Structure formats: C-alpha cells, structure tokens
Amino acid sequence: MNVKDKVIAVTGGAGAIGATQTKLLAENGAEVWVLDLAAGPVTFAKSVR
C-alpha cells in the first residue's frame, strides 16, 4: 500500500500497536496525526523520533 503524501489519523496511536503503526506510516512518507488520551504530546513525539 502506498501511503506517501497521504494524511492518516491513527486513533489510539500512543498504545503499543498504534505507536508501531504510526512509526511505520511516517517512515513510509505519510503525514500522521495521532489521537490518544494515554500519553501527552511531548512524551509521545519524543518516542517516535
């Protein structure tokens, strides 16, 4: 599946499965929006980079 230049929202993106999906999508060129109540934005952003 080609996700390059696509905008994708991942609900539950800070959890174990969601974080993995988020990283893979971003690595393949997608702009990823993460929606989750579990982690603060700074904490999660540092873990993805």
PDB file of N, CA and C in Angstrom:
ATOM      1  N   MET A   1       0.850  -1.172   0.000  1.00  0.00           N
ATOM      2  CA  MET A   1       0.000   0.000   0.000  1.00  0.00           C
ATOM      3  C   MET A   1       0.896   1.236   0.000  1.00  0.00           C
ATOM      4  N   ASN A   2       0.609   2.172  -0.854  1.00  0.00           N
ATOM      5  CA  ASN A   2       1.376   3.403  -0.951  1.00  0.00           C
ATOM      6  C   ASN A   2       0.732   4.475  -0.080  1.00  0.00           C
ATOM      7  N   VAL A   3       1.451   4.942   0.945  1.00  0.00           N
ATOM      8  CA  VAL A   3       0.923   5.981   1.830  1.00  0.00           C
ATOM      9  C   VAL A   3       1.679   7.299   1.690  1.00  0.00           C
ATOM     10  N   LYS A   4       2.618   7.348   0.753  1.00  0.00           N
ATOM     11  CA  LYS A   4       3.419   8.560   0.569  1.00  0.00           C
ATOM     12  C   LYS A   4       2.511   9.743   0.248  1.00  0.00           C
ATOM     13  N   ASP A   5       2.721  10.830   0.973  1.00  0.00           N
ATOM     14  CA  ASP A   5       1.967  12.079   0.806  1.00  0.00           C
ATOM     15  C   ASP A   5       0.495  11.958   1.184  1.00  0.00           C
ATOM     16  N   LYS A   6       0.124  10.933   1.929  1.00  0.00           N
ATOM     17  CA  LYS A   6      -1.246  10.793   2.428  1.00  0.00           C
ATOM     18  C   LYS A   6      -1.298  11.333   3.853  1.00  0.00           C
ATOM     19  N   VAL A   7      -2.460  11.818   4.277  1.00  0.00           N
ATOM     20  CA  VAL A   7      -2.677  12.246   5.654  1.00  0.00           C
ATOM     21  C   VAL A   7      -3.508  11.166   6.324  1.00  0.00           C
ATOM     22  N   ILE A   8      -2.976  10.611   7.425  1.00  0.00           N
ATOM     23  CA  ILE A   8      -3.625   9.484   8.087  1.00  0.00           C
ATOM     24  C   ILE A   8      -3.780   9.786   9.570  1.00  0.00           C
ATOM     25  N   ALA A   9      -4.978   9.561  10.119  1.00  0.00           N
ATOM     26  CA  ALA A   9      -5.228   9.711  11.552  1.00  0.00           C
ATOM     27  C   ALA A   9      -5.210   8.325  12.187  1.00  0.00           C
ATOM     28  N   VAL A  10      -4.440   8.193  13.261  1.00  0.00           N
ATOM     29  CA  VAL A  10      -4.359   6.921  13.979  1.00  0.00           C
ATOM     30  C   VAL A  10      -4.976   7.129  15.354  1.00  0.00           C
ATOM     31  N   THR A  11      -6.142   6.522  15.591  1.00  0.00           N
ATOM     32  CA  THR A  11      -6.750   6.607  16.911  1.00  0.00           C
ATOM     33  C   THR A  11      -6.119   5.549  17.802  1.00  0.00           C
ATOM     34  N   GLY A  12      -5.870   5.911  19.049  1.00  0.00           N
ATOM     35  CA  GLY A  12      -5.163   5.002  19.943  1.00  0.00           C
ATOM     36  C   GLY A  12      -3.696   4.894  19.562  1.00  0.00           C
ATOM     37  N   GLY A  13      -3.172   5.938  18.950  1.00  0.00           N
ATOM     38  CA  GLY A  13      -1.828   5.899  18.392  1.00  0.00           C
ATOM     39  C   GLY A  13      -0.690   5.875  19.383  1.00  0.00           C
ATOM     40  N   ALA A  14      -0.948   6.138  20.663  1.00  0.00           N
ATOM     41  CA  ALA A  14       0.133   6.125  21.651  1.00  0.00           C
ATOM     42  C   ALA A  14       0.284   4.765  22.321  1.00  0.00           C
ATOM     43  N   GLY A  15      -0.618   3.841  22.041  1.00  0.00           N
ATOM     44  CA  GLY A  15      -0.509   2.493  22.599  1.00  0.00           C
ATOM     45  C   GLY A  15       0.527   1.681  21.843  1.00  0.00           C
ATOM     46  N   ALA A  16       0.732   0.458  22.258  1.00  0.00           N
ATOM     47  CA  ALA A  16       1.770  -0.394  21.657  1.00  0.00           C
ATOM     48  C   ALA A  16       1.539  -0.627  20.162  1.00  0.00           C
ATOM     49  N   ILE A  17       0.349  -1.038  19.794  1.00  0.00           N
ATOM     50  CA  ILE A  17       0.057  -1.309  18.382  1.00  0.00           C
ATOM     51  C   ILE A  17      -0.030  -0.005  17.592  1.00  0.00           C
ATOM     52  N   GLY A  18      -0.715   0.980  18.141  1.00  0.00           N
ATOM     53  CA  GLY A  18      -0.869   2.259  17.452  1.00  0.00           C
ATOM     54  C   GLY A  18       0.449   2.972  17.220  1.00  0.00           C
ATOM     55  N   ALA A  19       1.351   2.917  18.206  1.00  0.00           N
ATOM     56  CA  ALA A  19       2.655   3.570  18.063  1.00  0.00           C
ATOM     57  C   ALA A  19       3.471   2.908  16.964  1.00  0.00           C
ATOM     58  N   THR A  20       3.397   1.589  16.882  1.00  0.00           N
ATOM     59  CA  THR A  20       4.111   0.865  15.830  1.00  0.00           C
ATOM     60  C   THR A  20       3.562   1.249  14.462  1.00  0.00           C
ATOM     61  N   GLN A  21       2.250   1.299  14.344  1.00  0.00           N
ATOM     62  CA  GLN A  21       1.619   1.697  13.082  1.00  0.00           C
ATOM     63  C   GLN A  21       2.007   3.126  12.707  1.00  0.00           C
ATOM     64  N   THR A  22       1.996   4.012  13.706  1.00  0.00           N
ATOM     65  CA  THR A  22       2.347   5.411  13.478  1.00  0.00           C
ATOM     66  C   THR A  22       3.757   5.539  12.928  1.00  0.00           C
ATOM     67  N   LYS A  23       4.696   4.842  13.542  1.00  0.00           N
ATOM     68  CA  LYS A  23       6.092   4.900  13.100  1.00  0.00           C
ATOM     69  C   LYS A  23       6.241   4.358  11.679  1.00  0.00           C
ATOM     70  N   LEU A  24       5.593   3.239  11.382  1.00  0.00           N
ATOM     71  CA  LEU A  24       5.693   2.651  10.043  1.00  0.00           C
ATOM     72  C   LEU A  24       5.093   3.569   8.980  1.00  0.00           C
ATOM     73  N   LEU A  25       3.955   4.154   9.284  1.00  0.00           N
ATOM     74  CA  LEU A  25       3.325   5.066   8.330  1.00  0.00           C
ATOM     75  C   LEU A  25       4.213   6.280   8.067  1.00  0.00           C
ATOM     76  N   ALA A  26       4.765   6.857   9.127  1.00  0.00           N
ATOM     77  CA  ALA A  26       5.633   8.029   8.978  1.00  0.00           C
ATOM     78  C   ALA A  26       6.898   7.682   8.197  1.00  0.00           C
ATOM     79  N   GLU A  27       7.478   6.517   8.475  1.00  0.00           N
ATOM     80  CA  GLU A  27       8.679   6.082   7.757  1.00  0.00           C
ATOM     81  C   GLU A  27       8.414   5.899   6.263  1.00  0.00           C
ATOM     82  N   ASN A  28       7.155   5.620   5.915  1.00  0.00           N
ATOM     83  CA  ASN A  28       6.800   5.394   4.514  1.00  0.00           C
ATOM     84  C   ASN A  28       6.206   6.630   3.846  1.00  0.00           C
ATOM     85  N   GLY A  29       6.390   7.802   4.458  1.00  0.00           N
ATOM     86  CA  GLY A  29       6.043   9.051   3.809  1.00  0.00           C
ATOM     87  C   GLY A  29       4.693   9.648   4.116  1.00  0.00           C
ATOM     88  N   ALA A  30       3.947   9.075   5.046  1.00  0.00           N
ATOM     89  CA  ALA A  30       2.637   9.625   5.387  1.00  0.00           C
ATOM     90  C   ALA A  30       2.778  10.749   6.409  1.00  0.00           C
ATOM     91  N   GLU A  31       1.840  11.692   6.358  1.00  0.00           N
ATOM     92  CA  GLU A  31       1.706  12.673   7.433  1.00  0.00           C
ATOM     93  C   GLU A  31       0.730  12.042   8.419  1.00  0.00           C
ATOM     94  N   VAL A  32       1.180  11.788   9.637  1.00  0.00           N
ATOM     95  CA  VAL A  32       0.377  11.029  10.593  1.00  0.00           C
ATOM     96  C   VAL A  32      -0.100  11.929  11.726  1.00  0.00           C
ATOM     97  N   TRP A  33      -1.391  11.884  11.983  1.00  0.00           N
ATOM     98  CA  TRP A  33      -1.994  12.575  13.120  1.00  0.00           C
ATOM     99  C   TRP A  33      -2.350  11.511  14.143  1.00  0.00           C
ATOM    100  N   VAL A  34      -1.839  11.667  15.353  1.00  0.00           N
ATOM    101  CA  VAL A  34      -2.064  10.678  16.408  1.00  0.00           C
ATOM    102  C   VAL A  34      -3.102  11.215  17.385  1.00  0.00           C
ATOM    103  N   LEU A  35      -4.133  10.404  17.626  1.00  0.00           N
ATOM    104  CA  LEU A  35      -5.198  10.760  18.560  1.00  0.00           C
ATOM    105  C   LEU A  35      -5.210   9.735  19.685  1.00  0.00           C
ATOM    106  N   ASP A  36      -4.932  10.195  20.910  1.00  0.00           N
ATOM    107  CA  ASP A  36      -4.917   9.271  22.045  1.00  0.00           C
ATOM    108  C   ASP A  36      -4.998  10.064  23.335  1.00  0.00           C
ATOM    109  N   LEU A  37      -5.606   9.477  24.339  1.00  0.00           N
ATOM    110  CA  LEU A  37      -5.687  10.103  25.655  1.00  0.00           C
ATOM    111  C   LEU A  37      -4.603   9.594  26.594  1.00  0.00           C
ATOM    112  N   ALA A  38      -3.884   8.547  26.203  1.00  0.00           N
ATOM    113  CA  ALA A  38      -2.953   7.870  27.102  1.00  0.00           C
ATOM    114  C   ALA A  38      -1.659   8.633  27.354  1.00  0.00           C
ATOM    115  N   ALA A  39      -1.114   9.323  26.388  1.00  0.00           N
ATOM    116  CA  ALA A  39       0.180   9.991  26.558  1.00  0.00           C
ATOM    117  C   ALA A  39       0.083  11.446  26.134  1.00  0.00           C
ATOM    118  N   GLY A  40       0.874  12.280  26.791  1.00  0.00           N
ATOM    119  CA  GLY A  40       0.934  13.682  26.406  1.00  0.00           C
ATOM    120  C   GLY A  40       1.671  13.829  25.091  1.00  0.00           C
ATOM    121  N   PRO A  41       1.432  14.913  24.363  1.00  0.00           N
ATOM    122  CA  PRO A  41       2.043  15.080  23.038  1.00  0.00           C
ATOM    123  C   PRO A  41       3.569  15.114  23.061  1.00  0.00           C
ATOM    124  N   VAL A  42       4.162  15.730  24.070  1.00  0.00           N
ATOM    125  CA  VAL A  42       5.623  15.821  24.123  1.00  0.00           C
ATOM    126  C   VAL A  42       6.226  14.449  24.361  1.00  0.00           C
ATOM    127  N   THR A  43       5.646  13.692  25.284  1.00  0.00           N
ATOM    128  CA  THR A  43       6.139  12.345  25.583  1.00  0.00           C
ATOM    129  C   THR A  43       6.079  11.459  24.352  1.00  0.00           C
ATOM    130  N   PHE A  44       4.964  11.456  23.664  1.00  0.00           N
ATOM    131  CA  PHE A  44       4.800  10.589  22.503  1.00  0.00           C
ATOM    132  C   PHE A  44       5.691  11.029  21.350  1.00  0.00           C
ATOM    133  N   ALA A  45       5.754  12.321  21.088  1.00  0.00           N
ATOM    134  CA  ALA A  45       6.577  12.814  19.975  1.00  0.00           C
ATOM    135  C   ALA A  45       8.038  12.429  20.158  1.00  0.00           C
ATOM    136  N   LYS A  46       8.543  12.484  21.370  1.00  0.00           N
ATOM    137  CA  LYS A  46       9.931  12.091  21.632  1.00  0.00           C
ATOM    138  C   LYS A  46      10.133  10.606  21.367  1.00  0.00           C
ATOM    139  N   SER A  47       9.132   9.787  21.671  1.00  0.00           N
ATOM    140  CA  SER A  47       9.281   8.344  21.470  1.00  0.00           C
ATOM    141  C   SER A  47       9.259   7.964  19.992  1.00  0.00           C
ATOM    142  N   VAL A  48       8.587   8.744  19.160  1.00  0.00           N
ATOM    143  CA  VAL A  48       8.509   8.448  17.727  1.00  0.00           C
ATOM    144  C   VAL A  48       9.797   8.848  17.027  1.00  0.00           C
ATOM    145  N   ARG A  49      10.380   9.942  17.425  1.00  0.00           N
ATOM    146  CA  ARG A  49      11.607  10.415  16.779  1.00  0.00           C
ATOM    147  C   ARG A  49      12.706   9.530  17.171  1.00  0.00           C
TER     148      ARG A  49
END
